[in-house]
N, C-alpha and C. Protein backbone atom coordinates (compact mmCIF):
# COMPACT_ATOMS: atom_id res chain seq x y z
N MET A 1 25.45 16.65 -26.20
CA MET A 1 24.61 16.23 -25.10
C MET A 1 23.61 15.19 -25.56
N ASN A 2 23.39 14.25 -24.68
CA ASN A 2 22.38 13.24 -24.95
C ASN A 2 21.09 13.63 -24.25
N SER A 3 20.15 14.04 -25.03
CA SER A 3 18.86 14.40 -24.45
C SER A 3 17.80 13.50 -25.06
N LYS A 4 16.98 12.95 -24.22
CA LYS A 4 15.94 12.05 -24.66
C LYS A 4 14.78 12.88 -25.21
N VAL A 5 14.28 12.47 -26.32
CA VAL A 5 13.19 13.20 -26.96
C VAL A 5 11.88 12.67 -26.39
N TYR A 6 11.08 13.56 -25.86
CA TYR A 6 9.77 13.21 -25.32
C TYR A 6 8.71 13.69 -26.31
N ASN A 7 7.98 12.77 -26.83
CA ASN A 7 6.87 13.17 -27.68
C ASN A 7 5.57 12.73 -27.03
N SER A 8 4.48 13.03 -27.67
CA SER A 8 3.18 12.77 -27.06
C SER A 8 2.91 11.28 -26.90
N GLN A 9 3.49 10.45 -27.76
CA GLN A 9 3.26 9.01 -27.64
C GLN A 9 3.94 8.45 -26.39
N ASN A 10 5.13 8.93 -26.06
CA ASN A 10 5.81 8.44 -24.86
C ASN A 10 5.10 8.88 -23.59
N LEU A 11 4.54 10.08 -23.60
CA LEU A 11 3.87 10.57 -22.41
C LEU A 11 2.53 9.88 -22.19
N LYS A 12 1.89 9.46 -23.27
CA LYS A 12 0.58 8.83 -23.15
C LYS A 12 0.67 7.36 -22.76
N ARG A 13 1.85 6.78 -22.86
CA ARG A 13 2.02 5.37 -22.53
C ARG A 13 1.85 5.17 -21.03
N LYS A 14 0.86 4.42 -20.66
CA LYS A 14 0.59 4.15 -19.25
C LYS A 14 0.35 2.67 -19.08
N ARG A 15 0.41 2.24 -17.84
CA ARG A 15 0.11 0.85 -17.54
C ARG A 15 -1.38 0.61 -17.69
N LYS A 16 -1.71 -0.58 -18.13
CA LYS A 16 -3.11 -0.95 -18.18
C LYS A 16 -3.54 -1.38 -16.80
N ARG A 17 -4.62 -0.84 -16.34
CA ARG A 17 -5.12 -1.19 -15.01
C ARG A 17 -5.97 -2.44 -15.10
N VAL A 18 -5.72 -3.34 -14.19
CA VAL A 18 -6.53 -4.53 -14.09
C VAL A 18 -7.57 -4.26 -13.02
N LYS A 19 -8.83 -4.38 -13.39
CA LYS A 19 -9.90 -4.08 -12.44
C LYS A 19 -9.92 -5.15 -11.34
N LYS A 20 -9.92 -4.68 -10.09
CA LYS A 20 -9.97 -5.60 -8.97
C LYS A 20 -11.38 -6.18 -8.85
N VAL A 21 -11.43 -7.45 -8.58
CA VAL A 21 -12.71 -8.11 -8.35
C VAL A 21 -12.83 -8.38 -6.87
N CYS A 22 -13.97 -8.04 -6.32
CA CYS A 22 -14.21 -8.24 -4.88
C CYS A 22 -14.12 -9.74 -4.57
N LYS A 23 -13.28 -10.08 -3.58
CA LYS A 23 -13.08 -11.49 -3.22
C LYS A 23 -14.37 -12.12 -2.70
N LEU A 24 -15.13 -11.35 -1.94
CA LEU A 24 -16.34 -11.89 -1.35
C LEU A 24 -17.47 -12.02 -2.37
N CYS A 25 -17.51 -11.12 -3.35
CA CYS A 25 -18.49 -11.25 -4.43
C CYS A 25 -18.19 -12.49 -5.26
N ALA A 26 -16.91 -12.75 -5.52
CA ALA A 26 -16.51 -13.91 -6.30
C ALA A 26 -16.88 -15.21 -5.59
N GLN A 27 -16.84 -15.20 -4.25
CA GLN A 27 -17.20 -16.39 -3.46
C GLN A 27 -18.70 -16.50 -3.26
N GLY A 28 -19.44 -15.43 -3.55
CA GLY A 28 -20.89 -15.45 -3.38
C GLY A 28 -21.33 -15.25 -1.94
N VAL A 29 -20.58 -14.50 -1.18
CA VAL A 29 -20.91 -14.25 0.22
C VAL A 29 -21.99 -13.17 0.30
N ASN A 30 -23.07 -13.47 1.02
CA ASN A 30 -24.15 -12.50 1.19
C ASN A 30 -24.17 -11.87 2.57
N TYR A 31 -23.57 -12.53 3.55
CA TYR A 31 -23.61 -12.04 4.93
C TYR A 31 -22.28 -12.36 5.60
N ILE A 32 -21.77 -11.42 6.36
CA ILE A 32 -20.52 -11.62 7.10
C ILE A 32 -20.85 -11.65 8.58
N ASP A 33 -20.54 -12.77 9.21
CA ASP A 33 -20.88 -12.97 10.61
C ASP A 33 -19.77 -12.39 11.49
N TYR A 34 -20.14 -11.65 12.51
CA TYR A 34 -19.14 -11.04 13.40
C TYR A 34 -18.44 -12.10 14.24
N LYS A 35 -19.01 -13.29 14.36
CA LYS A 35 -18.39 -14.36 15.15
C LYS A 35 -17.32 -15.11 14.36
N ASP A 36 -17.23 -14.88 13.06
CA ASP A 36 -16.21 -15.51 12.22
C ASP A 36 -14.95 -14.65 12.25
N VAL A 37 -14.19 -14.78 13.32
CA VAL A 37 -13.03 -13.91 13.56
C VAL A 37 -11.91 -14.18 12.57
N GLU A 38 -11.76 -15.41 12.13
CA GLU A 38 -10.69 -15.74 11.18
C GLU A 38 -10.84 -14.97 9.87
N THR A 39 -12.05 -14.86 9.39
CA THR A 39 -12.30 -14.10 8.17
C THR A 39 -12.08 -12.61 8.39
N LEU A 40 -12.53 -12.11 9.52
CA LEU A 40 -12.40 -10.68 9.80
C LEU A 40 -10.95 -10.27 10.04
N GLN A 41 -10.11 -11.19 10.53
CA GLN A 41 -8.70 -10.88 10.78
C GLN A 41 -7.96 -10.50 9.50
N LYS A 42 -8.43 -11.01 8.35
CA LYS A 42 -7.79 -10.72 7.07
C LYS A 42 -7.93 -9.25 6.68
N TYR A 43 -8.90 -8.57 7.25
CA TYR A 43 -9.21 -7.21 6.84
C TYR A 43 -8.83 -6.16 7.88
N ILE A 44 -7.92 -6.52 8.80
CA ILE A 44 -7.37 -5.53 9.72
C ILE A 44 -5.85 -5.53 9.59
N SER A 45 -5.24 -4.39 9.88
CA SER A 45 -3.79 -4.26 9.77
C SER A 45 -3.12 -4.84 11.01
N HIS A 46 -1.80 -4.83 11.02
CA HIS A 46 -1.05 -5.35 12.17
C HIS A 46 -1.29 -4.52 13.42
N SER A 47 -1.72 -3.27 13.24
CA SER A 47 -2.03 -2.43 14.40
C SER A 47 -3.53 -2.42 14.71
N CYS A 48 -4.26 -3.40 14.17
CA CYS A 48 -5.69 -3.62 14.42
C CYS A 48 -6.58 -2.51 13.85
N LYS A 49 -6.15 -1.85 12.80
CA LYS A 49 -6.99 -0.88 12.12
C LYS A 49 -7.68 -1.55 10.94
N ILE A 50 -8.89 -1.11 10.63
CA ILE A 50 -9.63 -1.67 9.51
C ILE A 50 -8.99 -1.18 8.21
N LEU A 51 -8.69 -2.12 7.32
CA LEU A 51 -8.06 -1.76 6.05
C LEU A 51 -9.05 -1.05 5.14
N PRO A 52 -8.59 -0.05 4.38
CA PRO A 52 -9.48 0.65 3.46
C PRO A 52 -9.79 -0.21 2.23
N ARG A 53 -10.78 0.19 1.47
CA ARG A 53 -11.22 -0.57 0.29
C ARG A 53 -10.11 -0.74 -0.73
N ARG A 54 -9.32 0.30 -0.94
CA ARG A 54 -8.28 0.22 -1.97
C ARG A 54 -7.21 -0.81 -1.63
N VAL A 55 -7.06 -1.12 -0.34
CA VAL A 55 -6.08 -2.12 0.10
C VAL A 55 -6.73 -3.50 0.19
N SER A 56 -7.91 -3.57 0.75
CA SER A 56 -8.56 -4.86 0.95
C SER A 56 -9.10 -5.44 -0.35
N GLY A 57 -9.45 -4.58 -1.30
CA GLY A 57 -9.95 -5.05 -2.59
C GLY A 57 -11.41 -5.47 -2.56
N LEU A 58 -12.16 -4.98 -1.59
CA LEU A 58 -13.57 -5.32 -1.48
C LEU A 58 -14.43 -4.26 -2.16
N CYS A 59 -15.65 -4.65 -2.50
CA CYS A 59 -16.59 -3.67 -3.03
C CYS A 59 -17.18 -2.88 -1.85
N GLN A 60 -17.92 -1.85 -2.17
CA GLN A 60 -18.45 -0.98 -1.12
C GLN A 60 -19.39 -1.72 -0.18
N LYS A 61 -20.23 -2.57 -0.75
CA LYS A 61 -21.20 -3.32 0.04
C LYS A 61 -20.51 -4.25 1.05
N HIS A 62 -19.53 -5.00 0.59
CA HIS A 62 -18.84 -5.93 1.47
C HIS A 62 -17.89 -5.22 2.43
N GLN A 63 -17.32 -4.10 2.01
CA GLN A 63 -16.47 -3.34 2.93
C GLN A 63 -17.28 -2.85 4.12
N ARG A 64 -18.50 -2.40 3.86
CA ARG A 64 -19.38 -1.95 4.94
C ARG A 64 -19.71 -3.12 5.87
N MET A 65 -20.01 -4.28 5.31
CA MET A 65 -20.32 -5.45 6.13
C MET A 65 -19.13 -5.88 6.98
N VAL A 66 -17.94 -5.86 6.39
CA VAL A 66 -16.73 -6.24 7.12
C VAL A 66 -16.46 -5.25 8.25
N ALA A 67 -16.59 -3.95 7.97
CA ALA A 67 -16.35 -2.93 8.99
C ALA A 67 -17.32 -3.08 10.15
N ASN A 68 -18.59 -3.30 9.84
CA ASN A 68 -19.59 -3.49 10.90
C ASN A 68 -19.33 -4.77 11.68
N GLY A 69 -18.91 -5.82 10.99
CA GLY A 69 -18.59 -7.08 11.66
C GLY A 69 -17.41 -6.93 12.61
N ILE A 70 -16.38 -6.20 12.17
CA ILE A 70 -15.21 -5.97 13.02
C ILE A 70 -15.60 -5.15 14.24
N LYS A 71 -16.40 -4.12 14.04
CA LYS A 71 -16.82 -3.28 15.16
C LYS A 71 -17.65 -4.07 16.16
N ARG A 72 -18.55 -4.92 15.67
CA ARG A 72 -19.35 -5.74 16.57
C ARG A 72 -18.48 -6.75 17.32
N ALA A 73 -17.54 -7.36 16.62
CA ALA A 73 -16.65 -8.34 17.26
C ALA A 73 -15.79 -7.67 18.33
N ARG A 74 -15.41 -6.42 18.11
CA ARG A 74 -14.64 -5.69 19.12
C ARG A 74 -15.48 -5.43 20.37
N ILE A 75 -16.72 -5.06 20.18
CA ILE A 75 -17.60 -4.75 21.32
C ILE A 75 -17.86 -6.00 22.16
N VAL A 76 -18.00 -7.15 21.50
CA VAL A 76 -18.26 -8.40 22.20
C VAL A 76 -16.97 -9.03 22.71
N ALA A 77 -15.85 -8.38 22.48
CA ALA A 77 -14.52 -8.80 22.95
C ALA A 77 -14.00 -10.04 22.24
N LEU A 78 -14.39 -10.22 20.97
CA LEU A 78 -13.82 -11.30 20.16
C LEU A 78 -12.55 -10.85 19.45
N MET A 79 -12.42 -9.54 19.25
CA MET A 79 -11.25 -8.95 18.60
C MET A 79 -10.77 -7.77 19.43
N PRO A 80 -9.48 -7.48 19.38
CA PRO A 80 -8.96 -6.35 20.16
C PRO A 80 -9.21 -5.02 19.47
N PHE A 81 -9.32 -3.96 20.26
CA PHE A 81 -9.38 -2.61 19.72
C PHE A 81 -7.99 -2.12 19.34
N VAL A 82 -7.00 -2.45 20.19
CA VAL A 82 -5.64 -1.98 20.00
C VAL A 82 -4.69 -3.16 20.19
N LYS A 83 -3.63 -3.17 19.40
CA LYS A 83 -2.61 -4.21 19.51
C LYS A 83 -1.66 -3.84 20.65
N GLU A 84 -1.41 -4.78 21.55
CA GLU A 84 -0.49 -4.54 22.64
C GLU A 84 0.92 -4.91 22.21
N ASP A 85 1.91 -4.13 22.63
CA ASP A 85 3.31 -4.39 22.28
C ASP A 85 3.95 -5.36 23.24
């Protein structure tokens, strides 16, 4: 029988994680305007849901700003709440 030998070195081998850098921090953005719909569109899914941090790659501060901007734009009717089929 061909059985692969598993030792501790093989089990410890993992991928190196590359730390995500916030796109908005790299650009030096301090404020996200709710009227800038083109920027906010990048952070919603095809079903108009706000993307989570792990998907969008934003830091906590900018994720909060983006979420508030999207919510404000929805209330003012600049962005849809739900995608129509």
